[in-house]
Amino acid sequence: MVMLMTATGLFRNGIQDWLYQRVSAVLILLYVLIGIGIAIKHPQLDYATWHAIFSHIAVKIMTLLVLLSIVVHAWIGIWTVTTDYLKCACVRLCVQVAVIVWLLALFMGGALIVGSV
């Protein structure tokens, strides 16, 4: 019996795609809630405070993990929408390639920013 892969190219089946999208959403939510908590704890937030927070290796790792989660979450969502609504394979492929390039550029830009702090 041959196991078919989903066209997302990332995961083996729809249940795994669903699970990865939900886990990525939870990670993004936690990151946002922690950011809100920091903003509430430090009402006079300035550049020096933000720099000190983002200088910690744990924050850098979490930020990169959340950036990767955003890429995975967005890709699964875009793949689902484009396969449902773009019936022309050529148009769908062009849109998907453009989104992949855009998401990779965002991730690499974010990684450069996190690495420079």
PDB file of N, CA and C in Angstrom:
ATOM      1  N   MET A   1       0.839  -1.179   0.000  1.00  0.00           N
ATOM      2  CA  MET A   1       0.000   0.000   0.000  1.00  0.00           C
ATOM      3  C   MET A   1       0.888   1.249   0.000  1.00  0.00           C
ATOM      4  N   VAL A   2       0.599   2.171  -0.864  1.00  0.00           N
ATOM      5  CA  VAL A   2       1.386   3.394  -0.993  1.00  0.00           C
ATOM      6  C   VAL A   2       0.739   4.493  -0.153  1.00  0.00           C
ATOM      7  N   MET A   3       1.571   5.163   0.660  1.00  0.00           N
ATOM      8  CA  MET A   3       1.061   6.282   1.464  1.00  0.00           C
ATOM      9  C   MET A   3       1.290   7.573   0.685  1.00  0.00           C
ATOM     10  N   LEU A   4       0.248   8.311   0.445  1.00  0.00           N
ATOM     11  CA  LEU A   4       0.361   9.562  -0.295  1.00  0.00           C
ATOM     12  C   LEU A   4       0.654  10.705   0.656  1.00  0.00           C
ATOM     13  N   MET A   5       1.491  11.630   0.214  1.00  0.00           N
ATOM     14  CA  MET A   5       1.795  12.827   1.006  1.00  0.00           C
ATOM     15  C   MET A   5       0.874  13.958   0.584  1.00  0.00           C
ATOM     16  N   THR A   6       0.590  14.849   1.517  1.00  0.00           N
ATOM     17  CA  THR A   6      -0.202  16.012   1.156  1.00  0.00           C
ATOM     18  C   THR A   6       0.656  16.932   0.289  1.00  0.00           C
ATOM     19  N   ALA A   7       0.004  17.783  -0.439  1.00  0.00           N
ATOM     20  CA  ALA A   7       0.713  18.697  -1.329  1.00  0.00           C
ATOM     21  C   ALA A   7       1.408  19.825  -0.589  1.00  0.00           C
ATOM     22  N   THR A   8       1.193  19.930   0.730  1.00  0.00           N
ATOM     23  CA  THR A   8       1.908  20.964   1.469  1.00  0.00           C
ATOM     24  C   THR A   8       3.395  20.697   1.428  1.00  0.00           C
ATOM     25  N   GLY A   9       3.766  19.431   1.273  1.00  0.00           N
ATOM     26  CA  GLY A   9       5.178  19.088   1.214  1.00  0.00           C
ATOM     27  C   GLY A   9       5.857  19.122   2.568  1.00  0.00           C
ATOM     28  N   LEU A  10       5.143  19.501   3.613  1.00  0.00           N
ATOM     29  CA  LEU A  10       5.761  19.594   4.931  1.00  0.00           C
ATOM     30  C   LEU A  10       5.459  18.378   5.786  1.00  0.00           C
ATOM     31  N   PHE A  11       4.259  17.884   5.685  1.00  0.00           N
ATOM     32  CA  PHE A  11       3.820  16.862   6.611  1.00  0.00           C
ATOM     33  C   PHE A  11       3.170  15.710   5.855  1.00  0.00           C
ATOM     34  N   ARG A  12       2.985  14.591   6.535  1.00  0.00           N
ATOM     35  CA  ARG A  12       2.532  13.390   5.847  1.00  0.00           C
ATOM     36  C   ARG A  12       1.033  13.296   5.634  1.00  0.00           C
ATOM     37  N   ASN A  13       0.224  13.894   6.473  1.00  0.00           N
ATOM     38  CA  ASN A  13      -1.214  13.795   6.250  1.00  0.00           C
ATOM     39  C   ASN A  13      -1.947  15.000   6.846  1.00  0.00           C
ATOM     40  N   GLY A  14      -3.234  15.064   6.575  1.00  0.00           N
ATOM     41  CA  GLY A  14      -4.029  16.207   7.011  1.00  0.00           C
ATOM     42  C   GLY A  14      -4.121  16.355   8.513  1.00  0.00           C
ATOM     43  N   ILE A  15      -4.117  15.237   9.227  1.00  0.00           N
ATOM     44  CA  ILE A  15      -4.186  15.315  10.688  1.00  0.00           C
ATOM     45  C   ILE A  15      -2.916  15.960  11.232  1.00  0.00           C
ATOM     46  N   GLN A  16      -1.775  15.612  10.681  1.00  0.00           N
ATOM     47  CA  GLN A  16      -0.532  16.240  11.129  1.00  0.00           C
ATOM     48  C   GLN A  16      -0.511  17.721  10.771  1.00  0.00           C
ATOM     49  N   ASP A  17      -0.996  18.071   9.590  1.00  0.00           N
ATOM     50  CA  ASP A  17      -1.098  19.490   9.223  1.00  0.00           C
ATOM     51  C   ASP A  17      -1.962  20.228  10.232  1.00  0.00           C
ATOM     52  N   TRP A  18      -3.116  19.642  10.566  1.00  0.00           N
ATOM     53  CA  TRP A  18      -4.037  20.238  11.534  1.00  0.00           C
ATOM     54  C   TRP A  18      -3.348  20.407  12.887  1.00  0.00           C
ATOM     55  N   LEU A  19      -2.646  19.364  13.336  1.00  0.00           N
ATOM     56  CA  LEU A  19      -1.975  19.414  14.630  1.00  0.00           C
ATOM     57  C   LEU A  19      -0.874  20.473  14.647  1.00  0.00           C
ATOM     58  N   TYR A  20      -0.053  20.516  13.609  1.00  0.00           N
ATOM     59  CA  TYR A  20       1.022  21.513  13.555  1.00  0.00           C
ATOM     60  C   TYR A  20       0.453  22.938  13.532  1.00  0.00           C
ATOM     61  N   GLN A  21      -0.656  23.127  12.851  1.00  0.00           N
ATOM     62  CA  GLN A  21      -1.238  24.466  12.814  1.00  0.00           C
ATOM     63  C   GLN A  21      -1.784  24.857  14.176  1.00  0.00           C
ATOM     64  N   ARG A  22      -2.373  23.915  14.896  1.00  0.00           N
ATOM     65  CA  ARG A  22      -2.889  24.224  16.235  1.00  0.00           C
ATOM     66  C   ARG A  22      -1.765  24.470  17.229  1.00  0.00           C
ATOM     67  N   VAL A  23      -0.706  23.647  17.179  1.00  0.00           N
ATOM     68  CA  VAL A  23       0.435  23.837  18.079  1.00  0.00           C
ATOM     69  C   VAL A  23       1.112  25.179  17.796  1.00  0.00           C
ATOM     70  N   SER A  24       1.267  25.515  16.521  1.00  0.00           N
ATOM     71  CA  SER A  24       1.880  26.804  16.182  1.00  0.00           C
ATOM     72  C   SER A  24       1.020  27.960  16.674  1.00  0.00           C
ATOM     73  N   ALA A  25      -0.298  27.820  16.591  1.00  0.00           N
ATOM     74  CA  ALA A  25      -1.195  28.878  17.085  1.00  0.00           C
ATOM     75  C   ALA A  25      -1.046  29.067  18.592  1.00  0.00           C
ATOM     76  N   VAL A  26      -0.903  27.970  19.331  1.00  0.00           N
ATOM     77  CA  VAL A  26      -0.727  28.059  20.781  1.00  0.00           C
ATOM     78  C   VAL A  26       0.601  28.740  21.117  1.00  0.00           C
ATOM     79  N   LEU A  27       1.672  28.384  20.397  1.00  0.00           N
ATOM     80  CA  LEU A  27       2.970  29.028  20.640  1.00  0.00           C
ATOM     81  C   LEU A  27       2.913  30.528  20.359  1.00  0.00           C
ATOM     82  N   ILE A  28       2.260  30.901  19.277  1.00  0.00           N
ATOM     83  CA  ILE A  28       2.128  32.320  18.937  1.00  0.00           C
ATOM     84  C   ILE A  28       1.326  33.042  20.014  1.00  0.00           C
ATOM     85  N   LEU A  29       0.240  32.426  20.472  1.00  0.00           N
ATOM     86  CA  LEU A  29      -0.587  33.023  21.523  1.00  0.00           C
ATOM     87  C   LEU A  29       0.215  33.209  22.810  1.00  0.00           C
ATOM     88  N   LEU A  30       0.967  32.198  23.219  1.00  0.00           N
ATOM     89  CA  LEU A  30       1.790  32.310  24.431  1.00  0.00           C
ATOM     90  C   LEU A  30       2.797  33.443  24.312  1.00  0.00           C
ATOM     91  N   TYR A  31       3.414  33.562  23.158  1.00  0.00           N
ATOM     92  CA  TYR A  31       4.405  34.612  22.923  1.00  0.00           C
ATOM     93  C   TYR A  31       3.761  35.995  23.041  1.00  0.00           C
ATOM     94  N   VAL A  32       2.585  36.142  22.451  1.00  0.00           N
ATOM     95  CA  VAL A  32       1.871  37.423  22.522  1.00  0.00           C
ATOM     96  C   VAL A  32       1.475  37.739  23.960  1.00  0.00           C
ATOM     97  N   LEU A  33       0.970  36.739  24.678  1.00  0.00           N
ATOM     98  CA  LEU A  33       0.572  36.960  26.068  1.00  0.00           C
ATOM     99  C   LEU A  33       1.769  37.322  26.945  1.00  0.00           C
ATOM    100  N   ILE A  34       2.907  36.683  26.721  1.00  0.00           N
ATOM    101  CA  ILE A  34       4.122  37.039  27.465  1.00  0.00           C
ATOM    102  C   ILE A  34       4.532  38.473  27.131  1.00  0.00           C
ATOM    103  N   GLY A  35       4.441  38.848  25.859  1.00  0.00           N
ATOM    104  CA  GLY A  35       4.766  40.223  25.463  1.00  0.00           C
ATOM    105  C   GLY A  35       3.851  41.239  26.115  1.00  0.00           C
ATOM    106  N   ILE A  36       2.559  40.912  26.195  1.00  0.00           N
ATOM    107  CA  ILE A  36       1.610  41.804  26.868  1.00  0.00           C
ATOM    108  C   ILE A  36       1.944  41.890  28.357  1.00  0.00           C
ATOM    109  N   GLY A  37       2.291  40.749  28.957  1.00  0.00           N
ATOM    110  CA  GLY A  37       2.676  40.744  30.365  1.00  0.00           C
ATOM    111  C   GLY A  37       3.900  41.599  30.639  1.00  0.00           C
ATOM    112  N   ILE A  38       4.872  41.533  29.762  1.00  0.00           N
ATOM    113  CA  ILE A  38       6.072  42.374  29.907  1.00  0.00           C
ATOM    114  C   ILE A  38       5.700  43.839  29.791  1.00  0.00           C
ATOM    115  N   ALA A  39       4.842  44.170  28.832  1.00  0.00           N
ATOM    116  CA  ALA A  39       4.424  45.566  28.649  1.00  0.00           C
ATOM    117  C   ALA A  39       3.661  46.088  29.865  1.00  0.00           C
ATOM    118  N   ILE A  40       2.854  45.214  30.475  1.00  0.00           N
ATOM    119  CA  ILE A  40       2.115  45.634  31.673  1.00  0.00           C
ATOM    120  C   ILE A  40       3.061  45.784  32.864  1.00  0.00           C
ATOM    121  N   LYS A  41       4.008  44.862  32.974  1.00  0.00           N
ATOM    122  CA  LYS A  41       4.949  44.900  34.094  1.00  0.00           C
ATOM    123  C   LYS A  41       5.872  46.118  34.031  1.00  0.00           C
ATOM    124  N   HIS A  42       6.193  46.543  32.827  1.00  0.00           N
ATOM    125  CA  HIS A  42       7.088  47.691  32.615  1.00  0.00           C
ATOM    126  C   HIS A  42       6.333  48.777  31.853  1.00  0.00           C
ATOM    127  N   PRO A  43       5.532  49.587  32.532  1.00  0.00           N
ATOM    128  CA  PRO A  43       4.728  50.586  31.812  1.00  0.00           C
ATOM    129  C   PRO A  43       5.583  51.652  31.109  1.00  0.00           C
ATOM    130  N   GLN A  44       6.777  51.906  31.602  1.00  0.00           N
ATOM    131  CA  GLN A  44       7.674  52.883  30.965  1.00  0.00           C
ATOM    132  C   GLN A  44       8.713  52.150  30.123  1.00  0.00           C
ATOM    133  N   LEU A  45       8.245  51.339  29.196  1.00  0.00           N
ATOM    134  CA  LEU A  45       9.130  50.530  28.371  1.00  0.00           C
ATOM    135  C   LEU A  45       9.926  51.424  27.434  1.00  0.00           C
ATOM    136  N   ASP A  46      11.239  51.270  27.456  1.00  0.00           N
ATOM    137  CA  ASP A  46      12.093  52.033  26.548  1.00  0.00           C
ATOM    138  C   ASP A  46      13.003  51.064  25.785  1.00  0.00           C
ATOM    139  N   TYR A  47      13.802  51.616  24.901  1.00  0.00           N
ATOM    140  CA  TYR A  47      14.670  50.789  24.062  1.00  0.00           C
ATOM    141  C   TYR A  47      15.627  49.952  24.896  1.00  0.00           C
ATOM    142  N   ALA A  48      16.203  50.526  25.937  1.00  0.00           N
ATOM    143  CA  ALA A  48      17.170  49.800  26.763  1.00  0.00           C
ATOM    144  C   ALA A  48      16.531  48.581  27.420  1.00  0.00           C
ATOM    145  N   THR A  49      15.293  48.723  27.874  1.00  0.00           N
ATOM    146  CA  THR A  49      14.592  47.600  28.493  1.00  0.00           C
ATOM    147  C   THR A  49      14.297  46.516  27.471  1.00  0.00           C
ATOM    148  N   TRP A  50      13.778  46.912  26.301  1.00  0.00           N
ATOM    149  CA  TRP A  50      13.524  45.929  25.242  1.00  0.00           C
ATOM    150  C   TRP A  50      14.810  45.227  24.834  1.00  0.00           C
ATOM    151  N   HIS A  51      15.887  45.968  24.704  1.00  0.00           N
ATOM    152  CA  HIS A  51      17.166  45.369  24.317  1.00  0.00           C
ATOM    153  C   HIS A  51      17.633  44.375  25.366  1.00  0.00           C
ATOM    154  N   ALA A  52      17.474  44.722  26.647  1.00  0.00           N
ATOM    155  CA  ALA A  52      17.872  43.809  27.722  1.00  0.00           C
ATOM    156  C   ALA A  52      17.028  42.531  27.691  1.00  0.00           C
ATOM    157  N   ILE A  53      15.740  42.676  27.444  1.00  0.00           N
ATOM    158  CA  ILE A  53      14.855  41.503  27.383  1.00  0.00           C
ATOM    159  C   ILE A  53      15.250  40.601  26.220  1.00  0.00           C
ATOM    160  N   PHE A  54      15.451  41.195  25.046  1.00  0.00           N
ATOM    161  CA  PHE A  54      15.760  40.402  23.857  1.00  0.00           C
ATOM    162  C   PHE A  54      17.217  39.956  23.790  1.00  0.00           C
ATOM    163  N   SER A  55      18.043  40.351  24.740  1.00  0.00           N
ATOM    164  CA  SER A  55      19.422  39.884  24.789  1.00  0.00           C
ATOM    165  C   SER A  55      19.532  38.501  25.421  1.00  0.00           C
ATOM    166  N   HIS A  56      18.513  38.099  26.172  1.00  0.00           N
ATOM    167  CA  HIS A  56      18.527  36.776  26.806  1.00  0.00           C
ATOM    168  C   HIS A  56      18.373  35.690  25.747  1.00  0.00           C
ATOM    169  N   ILE A  57      19.163  34.637  25.877  1.00  0.00           N
ATOM    170  CA  ILE A  57      19.139  33.556  24.893  1.00  0.00           C
ATOM    171  C   ILE A  57      17.774  32.858  24.847  1.00  0.00           C
ATOM    172  N   ALA A  58      17.108  32.750  25.999  1.00  0.00           N
ATOM    173  CA  ALA A  58      15.785  32.107  26.027  1.00  0.00           C
ATOM    174  C   ALA A  58      14.774  32.890  25.188  1.00  0.00           C
ATOM    175  N   VAL A  59      14.839  34.204  25.251  1.00  0.00           N
ATOM    176  CA  VAL A  59      13.925  35.041  24.467  1.00  0.00           C
ATOM    177  C   VAL A  59      14.258  34.930  22.984  1.00  0.00           C
ATOM    178  N   LYS A  60      15.532  34.875  22.661  1.00  0.00           N
ATOM    179  CA  LYS A  60      15.928  34.718  21.259  1.00  0.00           C
ATOM    180  C   LYS A  60      15.445  33.383  20.698  1.00  0.00           C
ATOM    181  N   ILE A  61      15.610  32.322  21.475  1.00  0.00           N
ATOM    182  CA  ILE A  61      15.165  31.004  21.019  1.00  0.00           C
ATOM    183  C   ILE A  61      13.652  30.990  20.857  1.00  0.00           C
ATOM    184  N   MET A  62      12.932  31.529  21.834  1.00  0.00           N
ATOM    185  CA  MET A  62      11.471  31.566  21.741  1.00  0.00           C
ATOM    186  C   MET A  62      11.016  32.412  20.555  1.00  0.00           C
ATOM    187  N   THR A  63      11.691  33.513  20.311  1.00  0.00           N
ATOM    188  CA  THR A  63      11.334  34.364  19.175  1.00  0.00           C
ATOM    189  C   THR A  63      11.537  33.623  17.855  1.00  0.00           C
ATOM    190  N   LEU A  64      12.657  32.924  17.719  1.00  0.00           N
ATOM    191  CA  LEU A  64      12.892  32.155  16.489  1.00  0.00           C
ATOM    192  C   LEU A  64      11.884  31.020  16.349  1.00  0.00           C
ATOM    193  N   LEU A  65      11.545  30.374  17.457  1.00  0.00           N
ATOM    194  CA  LEU A  65      10.547  29.313  17.424  1.00  0.00           C
ATOM    195  C   LEU A  65       9.185  29.859  17.000  1.00  0.00           C
ATOM    196  N   VAL A  66       8.848  31.029  17.487  1.00  0.00           N
ATOM    197  CA  VAL A  66       7.570  31.650  17.101  1.00  0.00           C
ATOM    198  C   VAL A  66       7.612  32.100  15.640  1.00  0.00           C
ATOM    199  N   LEU A  67       8.730  32.616  15.182  1.00  0.00           N
ATOM    200  CA  LEU A  67       8.847  32.968  13.761  1.00  0.00           C
ATOM    201  C   LEU A  67       8.648  31.739  12.877  1.00  0.00           C
ATOM    202  N   LEU A  68       9.265  30.626  13.266  1.00  0.00           N
ATOM    203  CA  LEU A  68       9.080  29.381  12.520  1.00  0.00           C
ATOM    204  C   LEU A  68       7.624  28.923  12.604  1.00  0.00           C
ATOM    205  N   SER A  69       7.004  29.074  13.754  1.00  0.00           N
ATOM    206  CA  SER A  69       5.595  28.711  13.919  1.00  0.00           C
ATOM    207  C   SER A  69       4.698  29.548  13.009  1.00  0.00           C
ATOM    208  N   ILE A  70       5.014  30.829  12.886  1.00  0.00           N
ATOM    209  CA  ILE A  70       4.238  31.701  12.000  1.00  0.00           C
ATOM    210  C   ILE A  70       4.365  31.238  10.555  1.00  0.00           C
ATOM    211  N   VAL A  71       5.568  30.867  10.149  1.00  0.00           N
ATOM    212  CA  VAL A  71       5.791  30.390   8.777  1.00  0.00           C
ATOM    213  C   VAL A  71       5.000  29.104   8.529  1.00  0.00           C
ATOM    214  N   VAL A  72       5.096  28.143   9.444  1.00  0.00           N
ATOM    215  CA  VAL A  72       4.373  26.880   9.285  1.00  0.00           C
ATOM    216  C   VAL A  72       2.867  27.122   9.279  1.00  0.00           C
ATOM    217  N   HIS A  73       2.392  27.905  10.224  1.00  0.00           N
ATOM    218  CA  HIS A  73       0.966  28.205  10.333  1.00  0.00           C
ATOM    219  C   HIS A  73       0.447  28.882   9.057  1.00  0.00           C
ATOM    220  N   ALA A  74       1.173  29.870   8.604  1.00  0.00           N
ATOM    221  CA  ALA A  74       0.753  30.598   7.401  1.00  0.00           C
ATOM    222  C   ALA A  74       0.791  29.700   6.170  1.00  0.00           C
ATOM    223  N   TRP A  75       1.833  28.885   6.041  1.00  0.00           N
ATOM    224  CA  TRP A  75       1.945  28.039   4.857  1.00  0.00           C
ATOM    225  C   TRP A  75       0.791  27.032   4.789  1.00  0.00           C
ATOM    226  N   ILE A  76       0.477  26.392   5.899  1.00  0.00           N
ATOM    227  CA  ILE A  76      -0.621  25.421   5.889  1.00  0.00           C
ATOM    228  C   ILE A  76      -1.933  26.124   5.543  1.00  0.00           C
ATOM    229  N   GLY A  77      -2.150  27.295   6.108  1.00  0.00           N
ATOM    230  CA  GLY A  77      -3.367  28.042   5.796  1.00  0.00           C
ATOM    231  C   GLY A  77      -3.434  28.473   4.345  1.00  0.00           C
ATOM    232  N   ILE A  78      -2.344  29.005   3.832  1.00  0.00           N
ATOM    233  CA  ILE A  78      -2.314  29.459   2.432  1.00  0.00           C
ATOM    234  C   ILE A  78      -2.469  28.274   1.486  1.00  0.00           C
ATOM    235  N   TRP A  79      -1.800  27.158   1.798  1.00  0.00           N
ATOM    236  CA  TRP A  79      -1.930  25.980   0.955  1.00  0.00           C
ATOM    237  C   TRP A  79      -3.385  25.522   0.894  1.00  0.00           C
ATOM    238  N   THR A  80      -4.049  25.511   2.048  1.00  0.00           N
ATOM    239  CA  THR A  80      -5.448  25.083   2.107  1.00  0.00           C
ATOM    240  C   THR A  80      -6.339  26.009   1.278  1.00  0.00           C
ATOM    241  N   VAL A  81      -6.152  27.296   1.439  1.00  0.00           N
ATOM    242  CA  VAL A  81      -6.973  28.262   0.714  1.00  0.00           C
ATOM    243  C   VAL A  81      -6.708  28.194  -0.793  1.00  0.00           C
ATOM    244  N   THR A  82      -5.444  28.128  -1.181  1.00  0.00           N
ATOM    245  CA  THR A  82      -5.146  28.106  -2.622  1.00  0.00           C
ATOM    246  C   THR A  82      -5.617  26.817  -3.283  1.00  0.00           C
ATOM    247  N   THR A  83      -5.515  25.693  -2.592  1.00  0.00           N
ATOM    248  CA  THR A  83      -6.000  24.453  -3.211  1.00  0.00           C
ATOM    249  C   THR A  83      -7.526  24.408  -3.272  1.00  0.00           C
ATOM    250  N   ASP A  84      -8.191  25.095  -2.359  1.00  0.00           N
ATOM    251  CA  ASP A  84      -9.657  25.123  -2.381  1.00  0.00           C
ATOM    252  C   ASP A  84     -10.202  26.100  -3.419  1.00  0.00           C
ATOM    253  N   TYR A  85      -9.562  27.250  -3.597  1.00  0.00           N
ATOM    254  CA  TYR A  85     -10.151  28.314  -4.398  1.00  0.00           C
ATOM    255  C   TYR A  85      -9.448  28.620  -5.714  1.00  0.00           C
ATOM    256  N   LEU A  86      -8.214  28.213  -5.872  1.00  0.00           N
ATOM    257  CA  LEU A  86      -7.515  28.452  -7.146  1.00  0.00           C
ATOM    258  C   LEU A  86      -7.482  27.151  -7.932  1.00  0.00           C
ATOM    259  N   LYS A  87      -8.383  27.023  -8.863  1.00  0.00           N
ATOM    260  CA  LYS A  87      -8.519  25.769  -9.609  1.00  0.00           C
ATOM    261  C   LYS A  87      -7.483  25.630 -10.719  1.00  0.00           C
ATOM    262  N   CYS A  88      -7.009  26.736 -11.260  1.00  0.00           N
ATOM    263  CA  CYS A  88      -5.992  26.689 -12.306  1.00  0.00           C
ATOM    264  C   CYS A  88      -4.646  26.344 -11.668  1.00  0.00           C
ATOM    265  N   ALA A  89      -4.072  25.208 -12.050  1.00  0.00           N
ATOM    266  CA  ALA A  89      -2.838  24.727 -11.428  1.00  0.00           C
ATOM    267  C   ALA A  89      -1.688  25.708 -11.609  1.00  0.00           C
ATOM    268  N   CYS A  90      -1.625  26.374 -12.747  1.00  0.00           N
ATOM    269  CA  CYS A  90      -0.537  27.323 -13.011  1.00  0.00           C
ATOM    270  C   CYS A  90      -0.624  28.530 -12.076  1.00  0.00           C
ATOM    271  N   VAL A  91      -1.807  29.074 -11.928  1.00  0.00           N
ATOM    272  CA  VAL A  91      -2.007  30.218 -11.032  1.00  0.00           C
ATOM    273  C   VAL A  91      -1.723  29.802  -9.592  1.00  0.00           C
ATOM    274  N   ARG A  92      -2.246  28.626  -9.197  1.00  0.00           N
ATOM    275  CA  ARG A  92      -2.041  28.134  -7.836  1.00  0.00           C
ATOM    276  C   ARG A  92      -0.550  27.960  -7.549  1.00  0.00           C
ATOM    277  N   LEU A  93       0.183  27.379  -8.476  1.00  0.00           N
ATOM    278  CA  LEU A  93       1.620  27.177  -8.298  1.00  0.00           C
ATOM    279  C   LEU A  93       2.349  28.507  -8.170  1.00  0.00           C
ATOM    280  N   CYS A  94       2.005  29.469  -9.008  1.00  0.00           N
ATOM    281  CA  CYS A  94       2.655  30.785  -8.941  1.00  0.00           C
ATOM    282  C   CYS A  94       2.389  31.459  -7.589  1.00  0.00           C
ATOM    283  N   VAL A  95       1.153  31.397  -7.124  1.00  0.00           N
ATOM    284  CA  VAL A  95       0.811  32.006  -5.840  1.00  0.00           C
ATOM    285  C   VAL A  95       1.539  31.294  -4.715  1.00  0.00           C
ATOM    286  N   GLN A  96       1.571  29.974  -4.747  1.00  0.00           N
ATOM    287  CA  GLN A  96       2.228  29.218  -3.689  1.00  0.00           C
ATOM    288  C   GLN A  96       3.734  29.466  -3.654  1.00  0.00           C
ATOM    289  N   VAL A  97       4.362  29.536  -4.810  1.00  0.00           N
ATOM    290  CA  VAL A  97       5.799  29.826  -4.859  1.00  0.00           C
ATOM    291  C   VAL A  97       6.069  31.233  -4.328  1.00  0.00           C
ATOM    292  N   ALA A  98       5.242  32.192  -4.718  1.00  0.00           N
ATOM    293  CA  ALA A  98       5.417  33.566  -4.226  1.00  0.00           C
ATOM    294  C   ALA A  98       5.272  33.617  -2.709  1.00  0.00           C
ATOM    295  N   VAL A  99       4.303  32.890  -2.169  1.00  0.00           N
ATOM    296  CA  VAL A  99       4.101  32.873  -0.717  1.00  0.00           C
ATOM    297  C   VAL A  99       5.282  32.206  -0.017  1.00  0.00           C
ATOM    298  N   ILE A 100       5.793  31.120  -0.570  1.00  0.00           N
ATOM    299  CA  ILE A 100       6.953  30.444   0.023  1.00  0.00           C
ATOM    300  C   ILE A 100       8.146  31.386   0.074  1.00  0.00           C
ATOM    301  N   VAL A 101       8.414  32.075  -1.022  1.00  0.00           N
ATOM    302  CA  VAL A 101       9.541  33.012  -1.068  1.00  0.00           C
ATOM    303  C   VAL A 101       9.335  34.128  -0.045  1.00  0.00           C
ATOM    304  N   TRP A 102       8.125  34.658   0.022  1.00  0.00           N
ATOM    305  CA  TRP A 102       7.806  35.728   0.971  1.00  0.00           C
ATOM    306  C   TRP A 102       7.983  35.262   2.415  1.00  0.00           C
ATOM    307  N   LEU A 103       7.463  34.070   2.749  1.00  0.00           N
ATOM    308  CA  LEU A 103       7.574  33.551   4.114  1.00  0.00           C
ATOM    309  C   LEU A 103       9.031  33.279   4.489  1.00  0.00           C
ATOM    310  N   LEU A 104       9.795  32.726   3.567  1.00  0.00           N
ATOM    311  CA  LEU A 104      11.216  32.484   3.850  1.00  0.00           C
ATOM    312  C   LEU A 104      11.976  33.790   4.049  1.00  0.00           C
ATOM    313  N   ALA A 105      11.639  34.793   3.257  1.00  0.00           N
ATOM    314  CA  ALA A 105      12.281  36.099   3.414  1.00  0.00           C
ATOM    315  C   ALA A 105      11.944  36.713   4.774  1.00  0.00           C
ATOM    316  N   LEU A 106      10.684  36.596   5.177  1.00  0.00           N
ATOM    317  CA  LEU A 106      10.290  37.108   6.492  1.00  0.00           C
ATOM    318  C   LEU A 106      11.025  36.376   7.608  1.00  0.00           C
ATOM    319  N   PHE A 107      11.121  35.057   7.507  1.00  0.00           N
ATOM    320  CA  PHE A 107      11.807  34.288   8.538  1.00  0.00           C
ATOM    321  C   PHE A 107      13.291  34.656   8.602  1.00  0.00           C
ATOM    322  N   MET A 108      13.928  34.738   7.447  1.00  0.00           N
ATOM    323  CA  MET A 108      15.364  35.075   7.434  1.00  0.00           C
ATOM    324  C   MET A 108      15.591  36.496   7.944  1.00  0.00           C
ATOM    325  N   GLY A 109      14.730  37.425   7.571  1.00  0.00           N
ATOM    326  CA  GLY A 109      14.854  38.787   8.086  1.00  0.00           C
ATOM    327  C   GLY A 109      14.680  38.832   9.590  1.00  0.00           C
ATOM    328  N   GLY A 110      13.687  38.106  10.097  1.00  0.00           N
ATOM    329  CA  GLY A 110      13.477  38.037  11.537  1.00  0.00           C
ATOM    330  C   GLY A 110      14.649  37.400  12.247  1.00  0.00           C
ATOM    331  N   ALA A 111      15.206  36.340  11.662  1.00  0.00           N
ATOM    332  CA  ALA A 111      16.362  35.669  12.269  1.00  0.00           C
ATOM    333  C   ALA A 111      17.573  36.610  12.301  1.00  0.00           C
ATOM    334  N   LEU A 112      17.758  37.392  11.259  1.00  0.00           N
ATOM    335  CA  LEU A 112      18.850  38.374  11.263  1.00  0.00           C
ATOM    336  C   LEU A 112      18.656  39.428  12.339  1.00  0.00           C
ATOM    337  N   ILE A 113      17.427  39.880  12.509  1.00  0.00           N
ATOM    338  CA  ILE A 113      17.142  40.883  13.544  1.00  0.00           C
ATOM    339  C   ILE A 113      17.384  40.301  14.934  1.00  0.00           C
ATOM    340  N   VAL A 114      16.877  39.088  15.175  1.00  0.00           N
ATOM    341  CA  VAL A 114      17.060  38.455  16.480  1.00  0.00           C
ATOM    342  C   VAL A 114      18.547  38.204  16.743  1.00  0.00           C
ATOM    343  N   GLY A 115      19.274  37.798  15.717  1.00  0.00           N
ATOM    344  CA  GLY A 115      20.708  37.544  15.873  1.00  0.00           C
ATOM    345  C   GLY A 115      21.522  38.779  16.129  1.00  0.00           C
ATOM    346  N   SER A 116      21.035  39.947  15.722  1.00  0.00           N
ATOM    347  CA  SER A 116      21.796  41.178  15.884  1.00  0.00           C
ATOM    348  C   SER A 116      21.562  41.844  17.238  1.00  0.00           C
ATOM    349  N   VAL A 117      20.587  41.356  17.987  1.00  0.00           N
ATOM    350  CA  VAL A 117      20.286  41.968  19.292  1.00  0.00           C
ATOM    351  C   VAL A 117      21.278  41.485  20.315  1.00  0.00           C
TER     352      VAL A 117
END
